[in-house]
């Protein structure tokens, strides 16, 4: 079954009134642009890594 026949079947059961409504659901992907300064990011990442090591250590006895 191709995408268009699936859309016709779904719109035929009353979920969407027509295939144009389905097309409006598709959005363009958003591009992620980091806003955190590099030094702050490194600080947070170091804390996260330390926390992960602590959790792993509690399970492995390290």
Protein backbone atom coordinates (compact mmCIF):
# COMPACT_ATOMS: atom_id res chain seq x y z
CA UNK A 1 0.00 0.00 0.00
CA UNK A 2 1.48 3.35 -0.95
CA UNK A 3 1.27 6.51 1.15
CA UNK A 4 -1.47 8.06 -0.93
CA UNK A 5 -3.80 5.09 -0.71
CA UNK A 6 -3.19 5.00 3.05
CA UNK A 7 -4.13 8.68 3.26
CA UNK A 8 -7.32 8.05 1.31
CA UNK A 9 -8.23 5.19 3.65
CA UNK A 10 -7.52 7.22 6.79
CA UNK A 11 -9.38 10.27 5.56
CA UNK A 12 -12.22 7.96 4.51
CA UNK A 13 -12.84 6.88 8.11
CA UNK A 14 -13.38 10.45 9.31
CA UNK A 15 -10.05 11.08 11.01
CA UNK A 16 -9.28 13.91 8.57
CA UNK A 17 -11.83 15.50 6.26
CA UNK A 18 -9.59 15.25 3.16
CA UNK A 19 -6.04 14.60 1.97
CA UNK A 20 -5.29 18.35 1.94
CA UNK A 21 -5.73 18.32 5.73
CA UNK A 22 -3.12 15.58 5.96
CA UNK A 23 -0.68 17.54 3.82
CA UNK A 24 -0.97 20.51 6.19
CA UNK A 25 0.25 18.27 9.04
CA UNK A 26 3.66 17.87 7.42
CA UNK A 27 6.05 20.53 8.62
CA UNK A 28 9.51 21.46 7.51
CA UNK A 29 12.22 20.10 9.82
CA UNK A 30 13.66 22.57 12.29
CA UNK A 31 17.39 23.05 12.45
CA UNK A 32 18.96 22.93 15.90
CA UNK A 33 21.20 25.91 16.61
CA UNK A 34 22.96 25.76 20.00
CA UNK A 35 22.66 28.95 22.03
CA UNK A 36 24.63 28.00 25.14
CA UNK A 37 28.13 29.48 25.29
CA UNK A 38 30.87 26.90 24.76
CA UNK A 39 32.41 27.33 28.23
CA UNK A 40 29.04 26.83 29.94
CA UNK A 41 28.33 23.79 27.76
CA UNK A 42 31.68 22.23 28.69
CA UNK A 43 31.00 22.87 32.38
CA UNK A 44 27.56 21.23 32.20
CA UNK A 45 28.93 18.33 30.18
CA UNK A 46 31.71 17.73 32.73
CA UNK A 47 29.13 17.64 35.56
CA UNK A 48 26.96 15.24 33.56
CA UNK A 49 29.92 12.94 32.89
CA UNK A 50 30.85 12.97 36.59
CA UNK A 51 27.25 12.03 37.50
CA UNK A 52 27.23 9.19 34.97
CA UNK A 53 30.51 7.86 36.32
CA UNK A 54 29.07 7.97 39.85
CA UNK A 55 25.99 5.98 38.86
CA UNK A 56 28.02 3.42 36.94
CA UNK A 57 30.39 3.16 39.88
CA UNK A 58 27.55 2.46 42.28
CA UNK A 59 26.51 -0.53 40.15
CA UNK A 60 29.99 -1.87 39.44
CA UNK A 61 31.50 -1.25 42.86
CA UNK A 62 33.99 1.23 41.45
